[in-house]
């Protein structure tokens, strides 16, 4: 029973094109990043354009900017 269910699962996953799998993962990642930018105050609501840049000089936004810069530095430092 378990072997049959596993082979059906594999057939379903193999039927999904690779590009669609990558696009889904990318979309989920961008959504999580957008939510993080909103929580950090970097992106805020605007009635005319839906989103706009927040006040980057606010004390609550500065740790978010520092964190993103730290992530970029560490990513590129350990990339090689």
N, C-alpha and C. Protein backbone atom coordinates (compact mmCIF):
# COMPACT_ATOMS: atom_id res chain seq x y z
N UNK A 1 0.83 -1.20 0.00
CA UNK A 1 0.00 0.00 0.00
C UNK A 1 0.87 1.26 0.00
N UNK A 2 1.89 1.28 0.87
CA UNK A 2 2.75 2.45 0.96
C UNK A 2 3.55 2.60 -0.33
N UNK A 3 4.02 1.51 -0.89
CA UNK A 3 4.79 1.55 -2.13
C UNK A 3 3.93 2.08 -3.28
N UNK A 4 2.68 1.70 -3.32
CA UNK A 4 1.77 2.17 -4.36
C UNK A 4 1.52 3.67 -4.21
N UNK A 5 1.29 4.12 -2.99
CA UNK A 5 1.05 5.54 -2.75
C UNK A 5 2.28 6.36 -3.09
N UNK A 6 3.45 5.82 -2.81
CA UNK A 6 4.68 6.53 -3.10
C UNK A 6 4.90 6.65 -4.62
N UNK A 7 4.59 5.60 -5.36
CA UNK A 7 4.78 5.68 -6.81
C UNK A 7 3.77 6.63 -7.45
N UNK A 8 2.57 6.69 -6.91
CA UNK A 8 1.58 7.65 -7.42
C UNK A 8 2.05 9.08 -7.15
N UNK A 9 2.60 9.30 -5.97
CA UNK A 9 3.12 10.62 -5.62
C UNK A 9 4.25 11.01 -6.57
N UNK A 10 5.15 10.09 -6.84
CA UNK A 10 6.25 10.38 -7.75
C UNK A 10 5.75 10.68 -9.16
N UNK A 11 4.74 9.96 -9.62
CA UNK A 11 4.20 10.22 -10.95
C UNK A 11 3.55 11.59 -11.03
N UNK A 12 2.87 11.98 -9.97
CA UNK A 12 2.24 13.31 -9.95
C UNK A 12 3.31 14.39 -9.97
N UNK A 13 4.36 14.24 -9.15
CA UNK A 13 5.43 15.24 -9.13
C UNK A 13 6.20 15.27 -10.44
N UNK A 14 6.37 14.12 -11.07
CA UNK A 14 7.07 14.10 -12.36
C UNK A 14 6.24 14.73 -13.48
N UNK A 15 4.91 14.77 -13.30
CA UNK A 15 4.04 15.34 -14.33
C UNK A 15 4.09 16.88 -14.34
N UNK A 16 4.55 17.48 -13.24
CA UNK A 16 4.65 18.93 -13.16
C UNK A 16 5.95 19.37 -13.83
N UNK A 17 5.89 20.29 -14.78
CA UNK A 17 7.11 20.74 -15.47
C UNK A 17 8.09 21.41 -14.50
N UNK A 18 9.37 21.26 -14.78
CA UNK A 18 10.43 21.82 -13.92
C UNK A 18 10.29 23.34 -13.82
N UNK A 19 9.97 24.00 -14.92
CA UNK A 19 9.83 25.46 -14.90
C UNK A 19 8.70 25.91 -13.98
N UNK A 20 7.62 25.15 -13.94
CA UNK A 20 6.51 25.49 -13.06
C UNK A 20 6.90 25.31 -11.60
N UNK A 21 7.69 24.29 -11.29
CA UNK A 21 8.18 24.09 -9.93
C UNK A 21 9.07 25.25 -9.50
N UNK A 22 9.97 25.68 -10.40
CA UNK A 22 10.86 26.79 -10.09
C UNK A 22 10.08 28.10 -9.93
N UNK A 23 9.10 28.33 -10.79
CA UNK A 23 8.30 29.55 -10.71
C UNK A 23 7.49 29.60 -9.41
N UNK A 24 6.99 28.46 -8.98
CA UNK A 24 6.24 28.41 -7.73
C UNK A 24 7.14 28.73 -6.55
N UNK A 25 8.33 28.15 -6.52
CA UNK A 25 9.28 28.43 -5.44
C UNK A 25 9.69 29.89 -5.44
N UNK A 26 9.90 30.46 -6.62
CA UNK A 26 10.28 31.86 -6.73
C UNK A 26 9.16 32.77 -6.24
N UNK A 27 7.93 32.47 -6.62
CA UNK A 27 6.78 33.27 -6.18
C UNK A 27 6.60 33.25 -4.67
N UNK A 28 6.78 32.08 -4.07
CA UNK A 28 6.66 31.98 -2.62
C UNK A 28 7.77 32.77 -1.94
N UNK A 29 8.98 32.69 -2.48
CA UNK A 29 10.10 33.45 -1.91
C UNK A 29 9.89 34.95 -2.01
N UNK A 30 9.40 35.41 -3.15
CA UNK A 30 9.13 36.85 -3.30
C UNK A 30 8.03 37.32 -2.36
N UNK A 31 7.02 36.48 -2.15
CA UNK A 31 5.94 36.85 -1.23
C UNK A 31 6.47 36.97 0.20
N UNK A 32 7.30 36.03 0.61
CA UNK A 32 7.88 36.08 1.96
C UNK A 32 8.77 37.32 2.10
N UNK A 33 9.54 37.63 1.06
CA UNK A 33 10.40 38.82 1.10
C UNK A 33 9.55 40.09 1.19
N UNK A 34 8.45 40.14 0.45
CA UNK A 34 7.57 41.32 0.48
C UNK A 34 6.96 41.51 1.86
N UNK A 35 6.53 40.43 2.48
CA UNK A 35 5.98 40.51 3.84
C UNK A 35 7.04 41.01 4.81
N UNK A 36 8.28 40.53 4.66
CA UNK A 36 9.37 40.99 5.51
C UNK A 36 9.68 42.46 5.31
N UNK A 37 9.65 42.92 4.07
CA UNK A 37 9.89 44.34 3.79
C UNK A 37 8.78 45.20 4.39
N UNK A 38 7.55 44.72 4.36
CA UNK A 38 6.46 45.46 4.99
C UNK A 38 6.63 45.51 6.50
N UNK A 39 6.99 44.39 7.09
CA UNK A 39 7.16 44.34 8.55
C UNK A 39 8.32 45.22 8.99
N UNK A 40 9.34 45.35 8.15
CA UNK A 40 10.48 46.20 8.48
C UNK A 40 10.26 47.67 8.22
N UNK A 41 9.16 48.03 7.58
CA UNK A 41 8.84 49.42 7.30
C UNK A 41 9.51 49.96 6.05
N UNK A 42 10.16 49.08 5.29
CA UNK A 42 10.83 49.53 4.06
C UNK A 42 9.82 49.75 2.95
N UNK A 43 8.76 48.96 2.92
CA UNK A 43 7.67 49.11 1.95
C UNK A 43 6.40 49.40 2.74
N UNK A 44 5.67 50.44 2.35
CA UNK A 44 4.45 50.82 3.06
C UNK A 44 3.29 50.97 2.07
N UNK A 45 2.09 51.00 2.60
CA UNK A 45 0.88 51.13 1.80
C UNK A 45 0.74 52.55 1.25
N UNK A 46 0.30 52.64 -0.01
CA UNK A 46 0.03 53.92 -0.64
C UNK A 46 -1.25 53.75 -1.45
N UNK A 47 -2.20 54.67 -1.30
CA UNK A 47 -3.49 54.51 -1.97
C UNK A 47 -3.40 54.62 -3.48
N UNK A 48 -2.49 55.45 -4.00
CA UNK A 48 -2.44 55.63 -5.45
C UNK A 48 -1.59 54.58 -6.16
N UNK A 49 -0.52 54.12 -5.53
CA UNK A 49 0.35 53.13 -6.19
C UNK A 49 0.36 51.77 -5.49
N UNK A 50 -0.45 51.59 -4.49
CA UNK A 50 -0.55 50.37 -3.67
C UNK A 50 0.64 50.21 -2.73
N UNK A 51 1.87 50.33 -3.20
CA UNK A 51 3.03 50.26 -2.32
C UNK A 51 4.01 51.36 -2.69
N UNK A 52 4.78 51.80 -1.71
CA UNK A 52 5.81 52.80 -1.93
C UNK A 52 6.90 52.60 -0.89
N UNK A 53 8.01 53.29 -1.07
CA UNK A 53 9.11 53.20 -0.12
C UNK A 53 8.71 53.86 1.19
N UNK A 54 9.09 53.25 2.29
CA UNK A 54 8.83 53.84 3.59
C UNK A 54 9.90 54.86 3.94
N UNK A 55 9.79 55.38 5.15
CA UNK A 55 10.78 56.33 5.64
C UNK A 55 12.00 55.53 6.11
N UNK A 56 13.07 55.58 5.32
CA UNK A 56 14.25 54.77 5.61
C UNK A 56 15.09 55.34 6.74
N UNK A 57 14.78 56.54 7.19
CA UNK A 57 15.53 57.15 8.28
C UNK A 57 14.93 56.89 9.65
N UNK A 58 13.81 56.22 9.71
CA UNK A 58 13.18 55.94 11.01
C UNK A 58 14.02 54.95 11.80
N UNK A 59 14.05 55.11 13.10
CA UNK A 59 14.84 54.18 13.91
C UNK A 59 14.33 52.73 13.84
N UNK A 60 13.08 52.53 13.53
CA UNK A 60 12.56 51.16 13.43
C UNK A 60 12.91 50.51 12.10
N UNK A 61 13.24 51.30 11.09
CA UNK A 61 13.57 50.77 9.78
C UNK A 61 15.06 50.46 9.65
N UNK A 62 15.89 51.16 10.38
CA UNK A 62 17.34 50.99 10.27
C UNK A 62 17.82 49.57 10.58
N UNK A 63 17.30 48.88 11.61
CA UNK A 63 17.75 47.49 11.82
C UNK A 63 17.41 46.57 10.65
N UNK A 64 16.30 46.82 9.99
CA UNK A 64 15.93 46.01 8.82
C UNK A 64 16.93 46.21 7.69
N UNK A 65 17.30 47.44 7.45
CA UNK A 65 18.26 47.75 6.39
C UNK A 65 19.62 47.14 6.74
N UNK A 66 20.04 47.29 8.00
CA UNK A 66 21.31 46.70 8.43
C UNK A 66 21.28 45.18 8.29
N UNK A 67 20.17 44.56 8.64
CA UNK A 67 20.05 43.11 8.51
C UNK A 67 20.14 42.64 7.07
N UNK A 68 19.50 43.37 6.16
CA UNK A 68 19.58 43.00 4.74
C UNK A 68 21.00 43.17 4.20
N UNK A 69 21.68 44.23 4.60
CA UNK A 69 23.06 44.41 4.18
C UNK A 69 23.96 43.32 4.73
N UNK A 70 23.75 42.94 5.98
CA UNK A 70 24.53 41.86 6.59
C UNK A 70 24.30 40.54 5.87
N UNK A 71 23.07 40.26 5.51
CA UNK A 71 22.75 39.04 4.77
C UNK A 71 23.48 39.04 3.43
N UNK A 72 23.47 40.17 2.72
CA UNK A 72 24.15 40.25 1.42
C UNK A 72 25.65 40.06 1.57
N UNK A 73 26.25 40.69 2.58
CA UNK A 73 27.70 40.55 2.79
C UNK A 73 28.05 39.11 3.11
N UNK A 74 27.32 38.49 4.01
CA UNK A 74 27.61 37.10 4.37
C UNK A 74 27.36 36.15 3.21
N UNK A 75 26.33 36.42 2.43
CA UNK A 75 26.03 35.57 1.28
C UNK A 75 27.18 35.60 0.28
N UNK A 76 27.64 36.80 -0.06
CA UNK A 76 28.71 36.90 -1.04
C UNK A 76 30.07 36.50 -0.47
N UNK A 77 30.25 36.61 0.85
CA UNK A 77 31.51 36.19 1.45
C UNK A 77 31.65 34.68 1.42
N UNK A 78 30.57 33.96 1.61
CA UNK A 78 30.62 32.49 1.65
C UNK A 78 30.19 31.86 0.34
N UNK A 79 29.99 32.66 -0.69
CA UNK A 79 29.58 32.13 -1.99
C UNK A 79 30.70 31.36 -2.65
N UNK A 80 31.92 31.80 -2.46
CA UNK A 80 33.06 31.12 -3.11
C UNK A 80 33.52 29.90 -2.37
